[in-house]
Amino acid sequence: MMRVSATTWLLGFSLLFGQTAAGHTRSESYSHWYLSEHRITGTVTVPLREVMVLYDSSDASVPARELFLQHVRDNALVSGADENCPAIGSSVLEAATGFIRVEIQFDCTDRAPDTLQFRPLFDRAPAHVHYAKLHINGLLAGEALMTDSADSWSFGDLSSDPSWSFTSFVKIGTAHIASGIDHIAFLLGMLLIAGSTGRAVIAVTGFTLGHSISLAAAVLGYVHADSQLVEAFIGFTVALVAMEYFLLQRTGMTRFALGSSVLAWATGLVAVAMGFIEGRALFAYLGFGIFAACYLLAARNLQNRQERRATVLLFVATCCFGLVHGFGFAGFLMETGLLGASLFVPLLGFNLGVELGQLILVTVVLFCSMLLRNRVPQILPQLVAASLCGIGIYWFVGRTLA
């Protein structure tokens, strides 16, 4: 069976750290627009982390919600009958922890609004995607997906809007996977611990299954994820799989397994003490710490002795990790209130595209590894594992204390 060579991690390392280490699975925002005669009111929701790209040295003292409100005022435009409509009011609304929600209203006087041009965040994050819904007289009238290259939405013929086709969302999802740096980081770590093509297929299958289950649960309304905790734990999964690879060839796994638990518990305790998370959230950190220790110890005990059971553990573990990563996306959608029956098909297409992009990434890396195996130093996998572990811990602690 083909061994996954160090070239895999060299290629992956270049892909991963060619982007900013502060990235997340996807860059997205959402809005609802309420049309009433000649006025239209929009509420825009965005994760707090996305607003950070707007800051420069002159904005350091400006609250994030105020900065984003001004940014929306400067980059959202409504027109009617080819004439721009003035904004008559804007304000910051209450939002869930880790999110910012603002409202802006336009008045077209004696004509009906018929076009929305929406460009917030696109200039700073070209891969950003914005989902918009239009409501007329309290009823959903149309939906659109807006990107840097397609930032305008005409309300004239909502029924024939091609932007919501299933294939369009598949293409966007496939292209959008490249912006999910922590998702890519986990995939690289997962390939590290897989060690061979066959086990890599099993690992990716388990991860995809878990990812799909959590997304489906969100679409059906069975779950509600705390975005701050989920994002922190995504970082922890990256560190965990990297730590497993780095330590399997060494003694003292018990010490490091217990150390991973202490890291999770200590981070949770500090966050509660400093008021960054609620007290009940500490149970999640305790549970995740216990899971981490048990997983590392089980992986060590099964190594080179019970290959079949080790493969089963890999499948189950990656499925569990997939649940966490899926909730990272699902939690965002639940907070925005945009998931519903009318969005099921396009969002299914979008996430199918994400999975397709993931498959393409894994296939390319494995194929290049097969071509170039044994031509690079064997120390590279260890260097990549150490780097992934470091950035994973950085994400875990930084997102917990955000």
Protein backbone atom coordinates (compact mmCIF):
# COMPACT_ATOMS: atom_id res chain seq x y z
CA MET A 1 0.00 0.00 0.00
CA MET A 2 1.39 3.37 -0.95
CA ARG A 3 2.84 5.35 1.93
CA VAL A 4 1.93 9.00 2.10
CA SER A 5 5.35 10.59 1.78
CA ALA A 6 6.82 13.72 3.25
CA THR A 7 6.09 15.47 -0.03
CA THR A 8 2.43 15.47 0.98
CA TRP A 9 3.19 17.64 3.94
CA LEU A 10 5.59 19.89 2.04
CA LEU A 11 2.88 20.62 -0.54
CA GLY A 12 0.24 20.99 2.12
CA PHE A 13 2.47 23.21 4.19
CA SER A 14 2.85 25.58 1.24
CA LEU A 15 -0.92 25.64 0.65
CA LEU A 16 -1.69 26.24 4.29
CA PHE A 17 0.77 28.92 5.25
CA GLY A 18 0.44 30.78 1.97
CA GLN A 19 -2.72 32.19 3.53
CA THR A 20 -3.21 34.16 6.71
CA ALA A 21 -3.20 32.10 9.89
CA ALA A 22 -6.18 34.03 11.21
CA GLY A 23 -8.52 32.59 8.61
CA HIS A 24 -11.65 30.54 9.17
CA THR A 25 -13.64 27.92 7.29
CA ARG A 26 -15.48 30.48 5.18
CA SER A 27 -15.97 34.24 4.98
CA GLU A 28 -19.70 34.94 4.93
CA SER A 29 -22.39 37.40 5.96
CA TYR A 30 -26.18 37.42 5.78
CA SER A 31 -28.98 39.92 5.43
CA HIS A 32 -32.77 40.27 5.41
CA TRP A 33 -34.36 43.08 3.38
CA TYR A 34 -37.93 44.20 4.09
CA LEU A 35 -39.66 46.08 1.26
CA SER A 36 -42.68 48.28 1.93
CA GLU A 37 -43.88 50.59 -0.87
CA HIS A 38 -41.03 53.08 -1.41
CA ARG A 39 -38.90 52.08 1.58
CA ILE A 40 -36.61 49.14 2.18
CA THR A 41 -34.94 48.16 5.46
CA GLY A 42 -32.03 45.76 5.71
CA THR A 43 -30.59 43.91 8.71
CA VAL A 44 -27.07 42.60 8.12
CA THR A 45 -25.45 39.92 10.30
CA VAL A 46 -21.74 39.11 10.27
CA PRO A 47 -19.36 37.21 12.58
CA LEU A 48 -17.21 39.53 14.65
CA ARG A 49 -14.05 37.90 13.28
CA GLU A 50 -14.89 39.08 9.76
CA VAL A 51 -14.99 42.72 10.85
CA MET A 52 -11.37 42.56 11.99
CA VAL A 53 -10.21 42.94 8.37
CA LEU A 54 -11.64 46.48 8.38
CA TYR A 55 -9.29 47.79 11.04
CA ASP A 56 -6.22 49.88 10.37
CA SER A 57 -4.09 52.02 12.66
CA SER A 58 -6.53 54.94 12.58
CA ASP A 59 -9.50 52.76 13.62
CA ALA A 60 -7.94 51.11 16.66
CA SER A 61 -10.23 52.90 19.14
CA VAL A 62 -13.47 52.44 17.18
CA PRO A 63 -15.82 49.67 18.44
CA ALA A 64 -16.21 46.88 15.88
CA ARG A 65 -19.99 47.32 15.62
CA GLU A 66 -19.66 51.03 14.86
CA LEU A 67 -16.91 50.39 12.33
CA PHE A 68 -19.03 47.80 10.53
CA LEU A 69 -22.13 50.03 10.60
CA GLN A 70 -20.19 52.81 8.87
CA HIS A 71 -18.75 50.29 6.43
CA VAL A 72 -22.26 49.13 5.47
CA ARG A 73 -23.42 52.72 5.02
CA ASP A 74 -20.49 53.35 2.67
CA ASN A 75 -20.85 50.15 0.64
CA ALA A 76 -24.57 49.35 0.39
CA LEU A 77 -26.62 51.10 -2.28
CA VAL A 78 -30.33 50.87 -3.18
CA SER A 79 -31.80 52.35 -6.32
CA GLY A 80 -35.21 52.68 -7.94
CA ALA A 81 -35.93 53.57 -11.56
CA ASP A 82 -32.17 54.01 -12.12
CA GLU A 83 -31.90 56.64 -9.36
CA ASN A 84 -30.04 56.15 -6.09
CA CYS A 85 -32.16 56.16 -2.94
CA PRO A 86 -30.76 57.97 0.12
CA ALA A 87 -30.18 56.17 3.39
CA ILE A 88 -32.46 57.69 6.02
CA GLY A 89 -31.30 55.82 9.08
CA SER A 90 -28.98 53.18 10.46
CA SER A 91 -28.32 51.59 13.82
CA VAL A 92 -26.60 48.75 15.67
CA LEU A 93 -28.91 45.92 16.79
CA GLU A 94 -28.59 43.29 19.49
CA ALA A 95 -26.72 40.19 18.32
CA ALA A 96 -25.58 36.84 19.66
CA THR A 97 -22.12 36.52 21.16
CA GLY A 98 -19.48 36.61 18.44
CA PHE A 99 -21.74 38.36 15.91
CA ILE A 100 -22.56 41.90 14.85
CA ARG A 101 -25.97 42.90 13.48
CA VAL A 102 -26.76 46.30 11.99
CA GLU A 103 -29.78 47.87 10.33
CA ILE A 104 -29.98 50.38 7.48
CA GLN A 105 -33.03 51.93 5.81
CA PHE A 106 -33.44 53.56 2.38
CA ASP A 107 -36.27 55.79 1.14
CA CYS A 108 -36.89 56.05 -2.62
CA THR A 109 -39.64 58.70 -2.14
CA ASP A 110 -42.10 58.27 -5.04
CA ARG A 111 -40.64 55.13 -6.65
CA ALA A 112 -40.21 51.52 -5.63
CA PRO A 113 -36.74 50.17 -4.80
CA ASP A 114 -35.74 47.69 -7.50
CA THR A 115 -31.98 47.10 -7.17
CA LEU A 116 -29.59 46.36 -4.32
CA GLN A 117 -25.83 46.74 -4.70
CA PHE A 118 -24.03 45.23 -1.71
CA ARG A 119 -20.24 45.44 -1.40
CA PRO A 120 -19.38 45.38 2.35
CA LEU A 121 -16.22 43.32 3.01
CA PHE A 122 -15.66 42.41 -0.65
CA ASP A 123 -12.80 44.88 -1.14
CA ARG A 124 -11.00 43.58 1.97
CA ALA A 125 -11.92 39.89 1.48
CA PRO A 126 -12.56 39.12 -2.22
CA ALA A 127 -13.59 35.52 -1.41
CA HIS A 128 -16.37 36.77 0.86
CA VAL A 129 -19.90 35.47 0.16
CA HIS A 130 -23.11 37.25 1.14
CA TYR A 131 -26.54 35.60 1.39
CA ALA A 132 -29.53 37.95 1.08
CA LYS A 133 -33.28 37.45 1.50
CA LEU A 134 -36.02 39.83 0.34
CA HIS A 135 -39.35 40.04 2.20
CA ILE A 136 -42.39 41.83 0.78
CA ASN A 137 -45.39 42.44 3.05
CA GLY A 138 -44.06 39.93 5.53
CA LEU A 139 -43.59 37.13 2.98
CA LEU A 140 -40.35 35.77 1.53
CA ALA A 141 -40.15 36.97 -2.06
CA GLY A 142 -36.66 36.08 -3.19
CA GLU A 143 -33.10 35.16 -2.28
CA ALA A 144 -29.67 35.85 -3.74
CA LEU A 145 -26.05 34.99 -3.25
CA MET A 146 -23.72 37.96 -3.76
CA THR A 147 -19.98 37.85 -4.41
CA ASP A 148 -17.20 40.26 -5.34
CA SER A 149 -17.92 39.73 -9.04
CA ALA A 150 -21.73 39.65 -8.66
CA ASP A 151 -22.61 42.32 -6.11
CA SER A 152 -25.94 43.56 -7.55
CA TRP A 153 -29.43 42.07 -7.19
CA SER A 154 -32.39 43.20 -9.25
CA PHE A 155 -35.82 42.69 -7.70
CA GLY A 156 -37.53 43.00 -11.09
CA ASP A 157 -37.97 39.31 -11.87
CA LEU A 158 -37.30 37.28 -8.76
CA SER A 159 -38.64 34.05 -10.18
CA SER A 160 -36.06 33.93 -12.97
CA ASP A 161 -33.04 34.79 -10.85
CA PRO A 162 -30.38 32.26 -11.95
CA SER A 163 -28.09 32.85 -8.99
CA TRP A 164 -29.91 30.23 -6.92
CA SER A 165 -29.42 27.23 -9.21
CA PHE A 166 -28.09 24.08 -7.58
CA THR A 167 -25.09 23.85 -9.92
CA SER A 168 -24.16 27.48 -9.24
CA PHE A 169 -23.89 26.74 -5.52
CA VAL A 170 -21.86 23.59 -6.18
CA LYS A 171 -19.34 25.65 -8.18
CA ILE A 172 -19.17 28.38 -5.54
CA GLY A 173 -18.72 25.83 -2.75
CA THR A 174 -15.93 24.08 -4.63
CA ALA A 175 -14.05 27.34 -5.17
CA HIS A 176 -14.73 28.58 -1.65
CA ILE A 177 -13.02 25.68 0.17
CA ALA A 178 -9.66 27.33 -0.54
CA SER A 179 -10.46 30.11 1.96
CA GLY A 180 -11.06 27.70 4.86
CA ILE A 181 -7.57 27.59 6.32
CA ASP A 182 -8.46 25.77 9.56
CA HIS A 183 -10.46 23.21 7.58
CA ILE A 184 -7.46 22.66 5.29
CA ALA A 185 -5.15 22.48 8.30
CA PHE A 186 -7.22 19.70 9.81
CA LEU A 187 -7.28 17.79 6.52
CA LEU A 188 -3.48 17.93 6.38
CA GLY A 189 -3.19 16.72 9.95
CA MET A 190 -5.67 13.96 9.20
CA LEU A 191 -3.59 12.79 6.24
CA LEU A 192 -0.53 12.83 8.48
CA ILE A 193 -2.01 10.35 10.95
CA ALA A 194 -3.58 8.25 8.17
CA GLY A 195 -0.15 7.32 6.81
CA SER A 196 -1.36 5.51 3.67
CA THR A 197 -3.81 6.02 0.83
CA GLY A 198 -6.27 3.43 2.12
CA ARG A 199 -6.39 4.89 5.62
CA ALA A 200 -6.59 8.39 4.12
CA VAL A 201 -9.77 7.39 2.28
CA ILE A 202 -11.23 6.02 5.51
CA ALA A 203 -10.29 9.19 7.42
CA VAL A 204 -11.80 11.50 4.80
CA THR A 205 -14.96 9.38 4.69
CA GLY A 206 -15.37 9.58 8.45
CA PHE A 207 -14.75 13.31 8.45
CA THR A 208 -17.25 13.90 5.63
CA LEU A 209 -19.89 11.79 7.38
CA GLY A 210 -19.54 13.75 10.61
CA HIS A 211 -19.51 17.05 8.76
CA SER A 212 -22.67 16.13 6.87
CA ILE A 213 -24.53 14.95 9.99
CA SER A 214 -24.02 18.22 11.84
CA LEU A 215 -25.04 20.27 8.80
CA ALA A 216 -28.19 18.19 8.34
CA ALA A 217 -29.03 18.55 12.01
CA ALA A 218 -28.75 22.32 11.69
CA VAL A 219 -30.90 22.44 8.56
CA LEU A 220 -33.61 20.44 10.34
CA GLY A 221 -33.41 22.70 13.40
CA TYR A 222 -32.27 20.05 15.90
CA VAL A 223 -29.10 21.82 17.05
CA HIS A 224 -27.88 25.24 18.09
CA ALA A 225 -24.12 25.71 18.22
CA ASP A 226 -22.27 28.34 20.22
CA SER A 227 -20.02 29.79 17.54
CA GLN A 228 -17.24 30.87 19.90
CA LEU A 229 -16.89 27.43 21.49
CA VAL A 230 -17.13 25.57 18.18
CA GLU A 231 -14.46 27.71 16.55
CA ALA A 232 -12.18 27.22 19.54
CA PHE A 233 -12.63 23.45 19.43
CA ILE A 234 -11.95 23.40 15.69
CA GLY A 235 -8.53 24.81 16.52
CA PHE A 236 -8.12 22.13 19.20
CA THR A 237 -8.87 19.34 16.68
CA VAL A 238 -6.09 20.66 14.43
CA ALA A 239 -3.64 20.57 17.34
CA LEU A 240 -4.84 17.14 18.45
CA VAL A 241 -4.30 15.29 15.17
CA ALA A 242 -0.93 16.98 14.70
CA MET A 243 0.06 16.05 18.25
CA GLU A 244 -0.89 12.43 17.59
CA TYR A 245 1.43 12.16 14.60
CA PHE A 246 4.25 13.97 16.36
CA LEU A 247 4.07 11.76 19.46
CA LEU A 248 3.31 8.28 18.12
CA GLN A 249 6.97 7.72 17.36
CA ARG A 250 8.01 8.71 20.87
CA THR A 251 7.67 7.48 24.42
CA GLY A 252 5.83 9.38 27.11
CA MET A 253 2.47 9.55 25.31
CA THR A 254 0.65 9.31 28.65
CA ARG A 255 2.28 12.52 29.84
CA PHE A 256 1.34 14.40 26.69
CA ALA A 257 -2.20 12.96 26.66
CA LEU A 258 -2.75 14.24 30.17
CA GLY A 259 -1.14 17.52 29.14
CA SER A 260 -3.72 17.98 26.38
CA SER A 261 -6.48 17.57 28.96
CA VAL A 262 -4.85 20.10 31.26
CA LEU A 263 -4.56 22.55 28.35
CA ALA A 264 -8.28 22.27 27.60
CA TRP A 265 -9.30 22.53 31.24
CA ALA A 266 -6.95 25.41 32.06
CA THR A 267 -8.07 27.40 29.00
CA GLY A 268 -11.70 26.92 29.96
CA LEU A 269 -11.09 27.91 33.58
CA VAL A 270 -9.20 31.07 32.59
CA ALA A 271 -11.93 32.01 30.10
CA VAL A 272 -14.65 31.59 32.74
CA ALA A 273 -12.65 33.49 35.36
CA MET A 274 -12.08 36.38 32.95
CA GLY A 275 -15.70 36.43 31.76
CA PHE A 276 -15.04 35.38 28.16
CA ILE A 277 -17.40 32.39 28.35
CA GLU A 278 -20.26 31.34 30.61
CA GLY A 279 -19.65 28.99 33.51
CA ARG A 280 -21.69 26.17 31.99
CA ALA A 281 -19.42 26.19 28.94
CA LEU A 282 -16.65 24.85 31.18
CA PHE A 283 -18.27 21.41 30.95
CA ALA A 284 -17.54 21.41 27.22
CA TYR A 285 -13.86 22.08 27.91
CA LEU A 286 -13.75 19.36 30.54
CA GLY A 287 -15.40 16.88 28.18
CA PHE A 288 -13.16 17.77 25.27
CA GLY A 289 -10.08 17.43 27.48
CA ILE A 290 -11.13 13.93 28.54
CA PHE A 291 -11.84 12.98 24.92
CA ALA A 292 -8.42 14.25 23.83
CA ALA A 293 -6.58 12.22 26.47
CA CYS A 294 -8.55 9.04 25.76
CA TYR A 295 -8.08 9.42 22.01
CA LEU A 296 -4.30 9.89 22.20
CA LEU A 297 -3.88 6.99 24.62
CA ALA A 298 -6.05 4.69 22.49
CA ALA A 299 -4.17 5.63 19.33
CA ARG A 300 -0.85 4.86 21.03
CA ASN A 301 -1.98 1.52 22.45
CA LEU A 302 -3.37 0.32 19.11
CA GLN A 303 -0.41 1.40 17.03
CA ASN A 304 1.35 -1.46 15.20
CA ARG A 305 -0.50 -4.08 17.26
CA GLN A 306 -4.13 -4.11 16.20
CA GLU A 307 -4.24 -2.49 12.77
CA ARG A 308 -7.92 -3.20 12.19
CA ARG A 309 -8.97 -1.65 15.50
CA ALA A 310 -6.65 1.29 14.85
CA THR A 311 -8.43 1.87 11.53
CA VAL A 312 -11.82 1.72 13.25
CA LEU A 313 -10.58 4.26 15.80
CA LEU A 314 -9.41 6.51 12.96
CA PHE A 315 -12.85 6.37 11.32
CA VAL A 316 -14.75 7.05 14.55
CA ALA A 317 -12.39 9.83 15.62
CA THR A 318 -12.49 11.64 12.27
CA CYS A 319 -16.28 11.35 12.28
CA CYS A 320 -16.35 13.05 15.69
CA PHE A 321 -13.97 15.74 14.47
CA GLY A 322 -16.22 16.21 11.44
CA LEU A 323 -19.17 16.91 13.72
CA VAL A 324 -17.24 19.77 15.31
CA HIS A 325 -16.20 21.26 11.98
CA GLY A 326 -19.72 20.92 10.60
CA PHE A 327 -21.14 22.78 13.56
CA GLY A 328 -18.68 25.58 12.78
CA PHE A 329 -20.66 26.29 9.63
CA ALA A 330 -24.04 25.22 10.97
CA GLY A 331 -23.77 27.42 14.06
CA PHE A 332 -23.26 30.48 11.87
CA LEU A 333 -26.31 29.65 9.77
CA MET A 334 -28.50 29.07 12.82
CA GLU A 335 -27.55 32.46 14.28
CA THR A 336 -28.45 34.30 11.09
CA GLY A 337 -31.89 32.66 10.85
CA LEU A 338 -31.43 32.08 7.11
CA LEU A 339 -31.68 28.29 7.15
CA GLY A 340 -35.09 27.03 6.13
CA ALA A 341 -36.91 25.01 3.53
CA SER A 342 -36.43 27.65 0.84
CA LEU A 343 -32.66 27.57 1.30
CA PHE A 344 -32.23 23.83 1.65
CA VAL A 345 -31.47 23.04 -2.01
CA PRO A 346 -28.97 25.87 -2.67
CA LEU A 347 -27.18 25.33 0.63
CA LEU A 348 -27.07 21.60 -0.04
CA GLY A 349 -25.42 22.41 -3.36
CA PHE A 350 -23.00 24.81 -1.68
CA ASN A 351 -21.91 22.24 0.88
CA LEU A 352 -21.71 19.50 -1.72
CA GLY A 353 -19.33 21.81 -3.54
CA VAL A 354 -17.30 22.20 -0.35
CA GLU A 355 -17.00 18.43 -0.04
CA LEU A 356 -16.03 18.20 -3.70
CA GLY A 357 -13.35 20.83 -3.14
CA GLN A 358 -12.11 18.84 -0.16
CA LEU A 359 -11.91 15.69 -2.27
CA ILE A 360 -10.00 17.52 -5.00
CA LEU A 361 -7.51 18.87 -2.45
CA VAL A 362 -6.88 15.46 -0.92
CA THR A 363 -6.57 13.79 -4.34
CA VAL A 364 -4.06 16.33 -5.63
CA VAL A 365 -1.91 16.09 -2.51
CA LEU A 366 -1.89 12.28 -2.54
CA PHE A 367 -1.16 12.14 -6.26
CA CYS A 368 1.78 14.55 -5.96
CA SER A 369 3.00 12.56 -2.97
CA MET A 370 3.01 9.38 -5.06
CA LEU A 371 5.02 11.07 -7.81
CA LEU A 372 7.59 12.68 -5.55
CA ARG A 373 7.86 10.25 -2.64
CA ASN A 374 11.31 9.56 -1.16
CA ARG A 375 12.69 12.76 -2.71
CA VAL A 376 12.41 15.07 0.28
CA PRO A 377 13.81 14.83 3.85
CA GLN A 378 11.75 12.69 6.23
CA ILE A 379 11.94 15.42 8.86
CA LEU A 380 9.39 17.49 6.95
CA PRO A 381 6.32 15.66 8.30
CA GLN A 382 7.51 16.33 11.84
CA LEU A 383 8.06 20.01 11.08
CA VAL A 384 4.59 20.31 9.55
CA ALA A 385 3.04 18.43 12.48
CA ALA A 386 4.75 20.75 14.95
CA SER A 387 3.57 23.80 12.99
CA LEU A 388 0.00 22.53 12.81
CA CYS A 389 0.04 21.81 16.53
CA GLY A 390 1.24 25.33 17.28
CA ILE A 391 -1.29 27.07 15.08
CA GLY A 392 -4.07 24.81 16.39
CA ILE A 393 -3.28 25.74 19.99
CA TYR A 394 -3.10 29.40 18.96
CA TRP A 395 -6.58 29.16 17.43
CA PHE A 396 -7.93 27.29 20.45
CA VAL A 397 -6.69 29.73 23.07
CA GLY A 398 -7.18 32.85 20.94
CA ARG A 399 -10.76 32.04 19.95
CA THR A 400 -11.68 31.07 23.50
CA LEU A 401 -10.39 34.39 24.82
CA ALA A 402 -11.71 36.45 21.87
